[in-house]
Protein backbone atom coordinates (compact mmCIF):
# COMPACT_ATOMS: atom_id res chain seq x y z
CA MET A 1 -19.77 -10.65 10.69
CA LYS A 2 -19.19 -6.93 11.12
CA ARG A 3 -17.63 -5.87 14.41
CA VAL A 4 -16.93 -2.49 16.01
CA PHE A 5 -13.84 -1.81 18.11
CA ASN A 6 -13.71 1.25 20.37
CA LEU A 7 -10.10 1.81 21.35
CA ASN A 8 -9.43 4.30 24.14
CA ARG A 9 -6.19 3.28 25.87
CA THR A 10 -3.06 4.86 24.42
CA PHE A 11 0.66 4.31 24.39
CA SER A 12 3.02 6.71 22.65
CA VAL A 13 6.61 6.46 21.49
CA THR A 14 8.70 8.73 19.27
CA LEU A 15 10.94 6.99 16.75
CA LYS A 16 13.78 8.30 14.61
CA PRO A 17 13.62 6.98 11.03
CA VAL A 18 16.83 6.77 9.02
CA SER A 19 17.47 10.08 7.26
CA PRO A 20 16.33 11.24 4.76
CA TYR A 21 12.68 10.53 5.55
CA ASN A 22 9.92 12.68 4.08
CA PHE A 23 6.83 11.96 6.18
CA ASP A 24 3.83 13.04 4.09
CA PRO A 25 4.67 11.52 0.69
CA THR A 26 5.84 8.35 2.46
CA VAL A 27 2.76 7.63 4.55
CA PHE A 28 0.18 8.88 2.04
CA LYS A 29 0.10 7.87 -1.65
CA PRO A 30 -2.44 9.94 -3.64
CA SER A 31 -2.19 7.47 -6.53
CA HIS A 32 -4.05 4.92 -4.37
CA TYR A 33 -7.80 4.89 -4.74
CA PRO A 34 -9.85 6.46 -1.91
CA ASP A 35 -10.98 3.93 0.69
CA PRO A 36 -12.19 3.87 4.32
CA LEU A 37 -9.10 1.95 5.47
CA LYS A 38 -7.14 5.00 6.61
CA ASP A 39 -7.32 8.73 7.24
CA TYR A 40 -4.77 11.38 6.41
CA GLU A 41 -4.12 15.04 6.92
CA PRO A 42 -0.78 16.82 6.52
CA GLY A 43 1.57 15.60 9.23
CA LYS A 44 -0.82 12.91 10.53
CA TYR A 45 -1.92 9.44 9.43
CA TRP A 46 -4.38 6.98 11.02
CA PHE A 47 -4.85 3.28 10.24
CA PRO A 48 -5.85 0.02 11.97
CA LEU A 49 -3.43 -2.82 12.63
CA ARG A 50 -4.13 -6.45 13.50
CA LEU A 51 -1.44 -8.53 15.19
CA ASN A 52 -1.94 -11.90 16.91
CA ASP A 53 -5.71 -11.61 16.55
CA LYS A 54 -5.79 -8.26 18.35
CA VAL A 55 -6.82 -5.01 16.67
CA TYR A 56 -5.09 -1.69 17.35
CA GLY A 57 -5.48 1.84 16.09
CA ILE A 58 -2.28 3.55 14.96
CA LYS A 59 -1.71 7.27 14.64
CA LEU A 60 1.51 8.54 13.08
CA VAL A 61 2.48 12.17 13.70
CA ASN A 62 5.35 13.98 12.02
CA LYS A 63 7.58 15.55 14.67
CA GLY A 64 10.72 16.20 12.67
CA THR A 65 12.10 17.21 9.28
CA THR A 66 13.23 15.25 6.24
CA ARG A 67 16.88 15.48 7.28
CA ASN A 68 16.20 15.06 11.01
CA PRO A 69 13.11 12.84 11.04
CA LYS A 70 11.05 12.00 14.11
CA VAL A 71 7.71 10.20 14.07
CA GLN A 72 5.41 9.88 17.05
CA VAL A 73 3.63 6.52 17.01
CA VAL A 74 0.46 6.51 19.13
CA ILE A 75 -1.03 3.05 19.69
CA PHE A 76 -4.70 2.80 20.66
CA SER A 77 -5.95 -0.40 22.28
CA LYS A 78 -8.81 -1.89 24.33
CA ALA A 79 -6.58 -2.91 27.21
CA LYS A 80 -3.06 -2.40 28.49
CA ILE A 81 -0.52 -3.80 26.03
CA PRO A 82 2.20 -6.14 27.36
CA LYS A 83 5.77 -4.98 26.73
CA ASN A 84 6.57 -7.75 24.24
CA GLU A 85 3.45 -6.94 22.21
CA LEU A 86 4.32 -3.24 22.19
CA GLU A 87 7.71 -4.08 20.77
CA GLU A 88 6.10 -6.25 18.09
CA ILE A 89 3.65 -3.49 17.11
CA ILE A 90 6.43 -0.89 16.88
CA ASN A 91 8.57 -3.23 14.76
CA GLU A 92 5.62 -3.89 12.44
CA VAL A 93 4.85 -0.20 11.97
CA SER A 94 8.55 0.46 11.41
CA TYR A 95 8.66 -2.21 8.69
CA ARG A 96 5.51 -1.10 6.90
CA PHE A 97 6.66 2.53 6.72
CA GLU A 98 10.38 1.83 6.21
CA PHE A 99 11.58 3.75 9.27
CA GLN A 100 14.89 1.88 9.33
CA ARG A 101 15.50 1.57 5.59
CA ASP A 102 18.45 3.57 4.30
CA ILE A 103 17.78 4.91 0.79
CA SER A 104 20.46 7.62 0.86
CA GLY A 105 22.40 5.71 -1.83
CA PHE A 106 19.47 6.17 -4.20
CA PHE A 107 19.74 9.96 -4.01
CA LYS A 108 23.51 9.97 -4.31
CA LYS A 109 23.38 7.79 -7.40
CA PHE A 110 20.72 9.75 -9.30
CA LYS A 111 21.00 13.34 -8.05
CA LYS A 112 22.29 14.40 -11.50
CA ASP A 113 19.96 12.15 -13.52
CA LYS A 114 18.29 14.42 -16.08
CA VAL A 115 14.92 12.70 -15.90
CA LEU A 116 14.79 11.88 -12.20
CA SER A 117 16.60 14.74 -10.43
CA PRO A 118 13.68 17.25 -10.49
CA PHE A 119 11.45 14.67 -8.78
CA LEU A 120 14.15 13.75 -6.24
CA LYS A 121 14.49 17.41 -5.25
CA LYS A 122 10.73 17.82 -4.94
CA TRP A 123 10.04 14.66 -2.92
CA TYR A 124 13.45 14.08 -1.34
CA GLY A 125 13.20 11.38 1.33
CA MET A 126 10.00 9.72 0.09
CA HIS A 127 9.97 6.00 0.90
CA GLY A 128 7.69 3.19 -0.11
CA SER A 129 5.04 2.25 2.46
CA CYS A 130 2.04 -0.01 2.99
CA ALA A 131 -0.40 0.30 5.89
CA GLN A 132 -2.02 -3.03 4.97
CA ASP A 133 -0.80 -6.52 5.72
CA LEU A 134 -0.20 -8.86 2.79
CA TYR A 135 -3.70 -10.34 2.84
CA GLY A 136 -5.35 -6.92 3.03
CA LEU A 137 -3.33 -5.72 0.04
CA LEU A 138 -4.34 -8.88 -1.82
CA MET A 139 -8.00 -7.98 -1.24
CA ILE A 140 -7.35 -4.47 -2.60
CA ALA A 141 -5.75 -6.00 -5.70
CA ILE A 142 -8.96 -7.97 -6.33
CA PHE A 143 -11.06 -4.81 -5.99
CA LEU A 144 -8.86 -3.15 -8.61
CA GLN A 145 -9.03 -5.93 -11.19
CA ASN A 146 -10.51 -5.16 -14.62
CA THR A 147 -12.61 -2.17 -13.65
CA VAL A 148 -12.61 1.60 -13.26
CA ILE A 149 -11.64 3.18 -9.94
CA LYS A 150 -15.22 4.30 -9.23
CA ARG A 151 -16.36 0.65 -9.16
CA SER A 152 -13.41 -0.34 -6.97
CA VAL A 153 -14.41 2.35 -4.47
CA GLN A 154 -18.04 1.15 -4.43
CA MET A 155 -17.15 -2.53 -3.98
CA THR A 156 -14.62 -1.83 -1.25
CA LYS A 157 -17.14 0.21 0.74
CA VAL A 158 -19.97 -2.31 0.54
CA MET A 159 -17.74 -5.30 1.37
CA LEU A 160 -16.08 -3.60 4.34
CA GLU A 161 -19.42 -2.46 5.71
CA LYS A 162 -20.75 -6.03 5.60
CA TYR A 163 -17.70 -8.13 6.53
CA GLY A 164 -15.03 -5.78 7.83
CA ILE A 165 -14.08 -4.42 11.22
CA LYS A 166 -14.91 -0.84 12.12
CA VAL A 167 -12.18 0.63 14.31
CA LYS A 168 -12.90 3.79 16.31
CA PHE A 169 -10.06 5.73 17.92
CA ASP A 170 -8.84 9.32 18.27
CA ASN A 171 -12.22 10.59 16.95
CA LYS A 172 -11.67 8.65 13.72
CA GLU A 173 -13.51 5.72 12.15
CA VAL A 174 -11.61 3.44 9.79
CA TYR A 175 -12.13 -0.11 8.58
CA TYR A 176 -9.99 -3.23 8.62
CA PHE A 177 -10.34 -6.33 6.48
CA TRP A 178 -11.87 -9.64 7.49
CA LYS A 179 -9.63 -12.67 8.07
CA PRO A 180 -9.08 -15.15 5.22
CA GLU A 181 -10.53 -17.92 7.43
CA GLU A 182 -13.77 -15.90 7.61
CA MET A 183 -14.06 -14.99 3.93
CA MET A 184 -13.49 -18.55 2.70
CA LYS A 185 -16.72 -19.60 4.48
CA VAL A 186 -18.96 -16.90 2.95
CA PRO A 187 -21.47 -18.28 0.37
CA GLU A 188 -20.60 -17.11 -3.14
CA GLN A 189 -24.16 -15.94 -3.84
CA GLU A 190 -24.07 -13.75 -0.75
CA LEU A 191 -21.09 -11.92 -2.24
CA ARG A 192 -22.65 -11.75 -5.71
CA ASP A 193 -25.67 -10.05 -4.14
CA LEU A 194 -23.28 -7.21 -3.24
CA LYS A 195 -22.63 -6.73 -6.97
CA VAL A 196 -18.95 -7.66 -6.97
CA GLY A 197 -19.44 -9.92 -10.03
CA TYR A 198 -16.90 -12.63 -10.80
CA ARG A 199 -14.80 -11.38 -7.86
CA ALA A 200 -17.18 -13.22 -5.50
CA LYS A 201 -15.50 -16.53 -6.33
CA LEU A 202 -12.10 -14.85 -6.32
CA PHE A 203 -12.49 -13.50 -2.78
CA ILE A 204 -13.46 -16.96 -1.49
CA LYS A 205 -10.93 -19.09 -3.42
CA THR A 206 -8.07 -16.64 -2.87
CA SER A 207 -8.75 -16.62 0.87
CA GLU A 208 -8.96 -20.42 0.86
CA THR A 209 -5.58 -20.93 -0.83
CA PHE A 210 -4.03 -18.18 1.32
CA VAL A 211 -4.89 -20.38 4.31
CA LYS A 212 -4.07 -23.74 2.67
CA GLU A 213 -0.70 -22.55 1.37
CA LYS A 214 0.05 -21.25 4.87
CA ILE A 215 1.19 -17.88 3.57
CA ASP A 216 3.30 -16.33 6.31
CA GLU A 217 4.09 -12.70 5.57
CA LYS A 218 6.98 -12.49 8.02
CA GLU A 219 8.55 -15.57 6.47
CA LEU A 220 8.19 -14.12 2.97
CA ARG A 221 10.00 -10.96 4.05
CA LYS A 222 13.15 -13.03 4.58
CA LEU A 223 13.11 -14.90 1.25
CA PRO A 224 14.83 -13.96 -2.02
CA VAL A 225 12.51 -12.09 -4.38
CA GLU A 226 12.15 -14.91 -6.95
CA GLU A 227 11.29 -17.50 -4.31
CA THR A 228 8.77 -15.09 -2.79
CA LYS A 229 7.23 -14.46 -6.19
CA GLN A 230 6.75 -18.19 -6.82
CA ARG A 231 5.07 -18.59 -3.41
CA LEU A 232 2.70 -15.73 -4.19
CA LEU A 233 1.82 -17.10 -7.63
CA LYS A 234 0.56 -20.29 -5.95
CA ILE A 235 -2.29 -18.29 -4.43
CA TYR A 236 -5.49 -18.64 -6.43
CA GLY A 237 -6.08 -15.62 -8.67
CA VAL A 238 -2.61 -14.13 -8.24
CA GLY A 239 -1.04 -13.30 -11.60
CA PRO A 240 1.95 -11.14 -12.59
CA GLU A 241 0.28 -7.79 -11.80
CA THR A 242 -1.02 -8.84 -8.37
CA ALA A 243 2.33 -10.44 -7.53
CA ARG A 244 4.05 -7.18 -8.49
CA ILE A 245 1.77 -5.16 -6.20
CA LEU A 246 2.43 -7.51 -3.28
CA LEU A 247 6.19 -7.66 -3.83
CA VAL A 248 6.62 -3.92 -4.21
CA GLU A 249 4.16 -2.51 -1.70
CA ALA A 250 3.80 -5.08 1.10
CA LEU A 251 7.29 -6.60 0.83
CA HIS A 252 9.22 -3.47 -0.22
CA HIS A 253 11.23 -4.80 -3.16
CA HIS A 254 12.34 -1.56 -4.80
CA ASP A 255 14.39 -3.28 -7.47
CA ILE A 256 11.72 -5.14 -9.43
CA PHE A 257 9.77 -3.62 -12.30
CA GLU A 258 8.33 -6.47 -14.33
CA HIS A 259 4.71 -5.67 -15.13
CA VAL A 260 2.64 -2.67 -16.18
CA ALA A 261 -1.18 -2.78 -16.18
CA PRO A 262 -3.02 -1.29 -19.20
CA TRP A 263 -4.20 1.82 -17.33
CA GLN A 264 -0.69 2.36 -15.96
CA GLN A 265 0.73 1.95 -19.46
CA LYS A 266 -1.18 5.01 -20.67
CA ILE A 267 0.01 7.14 -17.74
CA TYR A 268 3.66 6.04 -17.99
CA SER A 269 3.54 6.72 -21.75
CA ARG A 270 2.65 10.33 -21.00
CA LEU A 271 5.03 10.79 -18.08
CA LEU A 272 8.13 9.18 -19.58
CA PHE A 273 7.71 9.66 -23.34
CA ASN A 274 5.07 12.41 -23.68
CA LYS A 275 3.09 10.11 -25.96
CA LYS A 276 -0.44 8.69 -25.73
CA LEU A 277 0.68 5.07 -25.89
CA VAL A 278 4.06 3.35 -25.76
CA SER A 279 4.46 -0.43 -25.59
CA VAL A 280 4.70 -2.06 -22.16
CA ASP A 281 7.98 -3.69 -23.15
CA LYS A 282 9.49 -0.31 -23.98
CA ILE A 283 8.34 1.20 -20.66
CA ILE A 284 9.74 -1.70 -18.61
CA LYS A 285 13.02 -1.78 -20.52
CA TYR A 286 13.46 1.99 -20.16
CA ILE A 287 12.87 1.99 -16.39
CA LYS A 288 14.97 -1.10 -15.66
CA ASN A 289 17.90 -0.02 -17.84
CA LYS A 290 17.89 3.52 -16.51
CA TRP A 291 17.47 2.95 -12.77
CA GLY A 292 18.46 -0.71 -12.24
CA GLU A 293 18.32 -1.87 -8.63
CA TRP A 294 16.23 1.22 -7.75
CA ALA A 295 13.83 0.82 -10.71
CA ASN A 296 10.57 0.73 -8.82
CA LEU A 297 11.44 3.45 -6.32
CA ALA A 298 12.59 5.72 -9.16
CA ALA A 299 9.38 5.11 -11.10
CA SER A 300 7.31 5.84 -7.99
CA TYR A 301 8.82 9.33 -7.69
CA ILE A 302 7.61 10.20 -11.18
CA TRP A 303 4.31 8.36 -10.73
CA GLU A 304 3.32 9.84 -7.36
CA ASP A 305 4.26 13.38 -8.43
CA ILE A 306 1.45 13.64 -10.99
CA PHE A 307 -1.07 12.40 -8.42
CA TRP A 308 0.17 14.87 -5.81
CA GLN A 309 -0.35 17.61 -8.41
CA ARG A 310 -3.91 16.36 -8.84
CA LYS A 311 -4.52 16.21 -5.07
CA GLN A 312 -3.24 19.77 -4.72
CA GLY A 313 -5.86 20.99 -7.20
CA LYS A 314 -4.19 20.92 -10.60
CA LYS A 315 -6.57 19.90 -13.40
CA ILE A 316 -4.92 17.32 -15.66
CA GLU A 317 -7.54 16.32 -18.24
CA TRP A 318 -5.77 13.30 -19.73
CA LEU A 319 -5.19 11.89 -16.21
CA GLU A 320 -8.85 12.31 -15.25
CA LYS A 321 -9.85 10.30 -18.34
CA GLU A 322 -7.65 7.41 -17.19
CA ILE A 323 -8.75 7.50 -13.53
CA ARG A 324 -12.48 7.96 -14.19
CA LEU A 325 -13.27 8.43 -10.52
């Protein structure tokens, strides 16, 4: 099933995101586990994009500042892209990386917040983002279920190498996920042979219901959050934690903060209360009461900061024990 796409034709456009927009902490989230789905270096980000059954390579380049942001979007393709398709690609990239989302009210509201203000100063202009489409993020959620990060990394690599798409552009090689219509036809034993365990059935059944329920990501983007959540929960294998990931990351709902996974619980306990373990209910109540409609975005500033510290070389022993990479 594996395919290789060599993309050599390019089209470039420079966009102006709504200020403030901090490029690096927006496009790259060090809290995410390492995978071959993207590449990053300061000021640049590469990832594949599939639209209307066509695969493109996308390179984002920072050309501005946080207060005067400019992002060059370079689109790599096999053939010349029609004007209407170019517009669709640009709109999709803009949505996934929140180029047109105004979060200035968030900073005005909490600039004097005793807990949050140090993080707002440090990462001022950081937005939420998601390079994956909804289905791709759903596959990532399955890889992350009930295991340590090291296993998630191994399973992701072996599955993408067998079933994914390798996309080559700009001297980079990244992978893109299979289609749900493809995965639902894979024999379960074939997946189990790749040592993904019980997830074998999950990959197949989840893909099957994704197709049968006719999950349309662009339609979901327009729906109220509760209605969207109920649609997502109809997908086989999607529980509260997976629904939260999809709502927050792929669909950009900054206001919801309804679920905390056990490994996240330990980290939030340290970050917010300086304790080894605080109840999930207490963590959720604290974040929702304190930051309300901006609850998830506020929490992400505190959450991503500790992982940026780790990426920049700081040794945090208690964090390493939780990540176990």
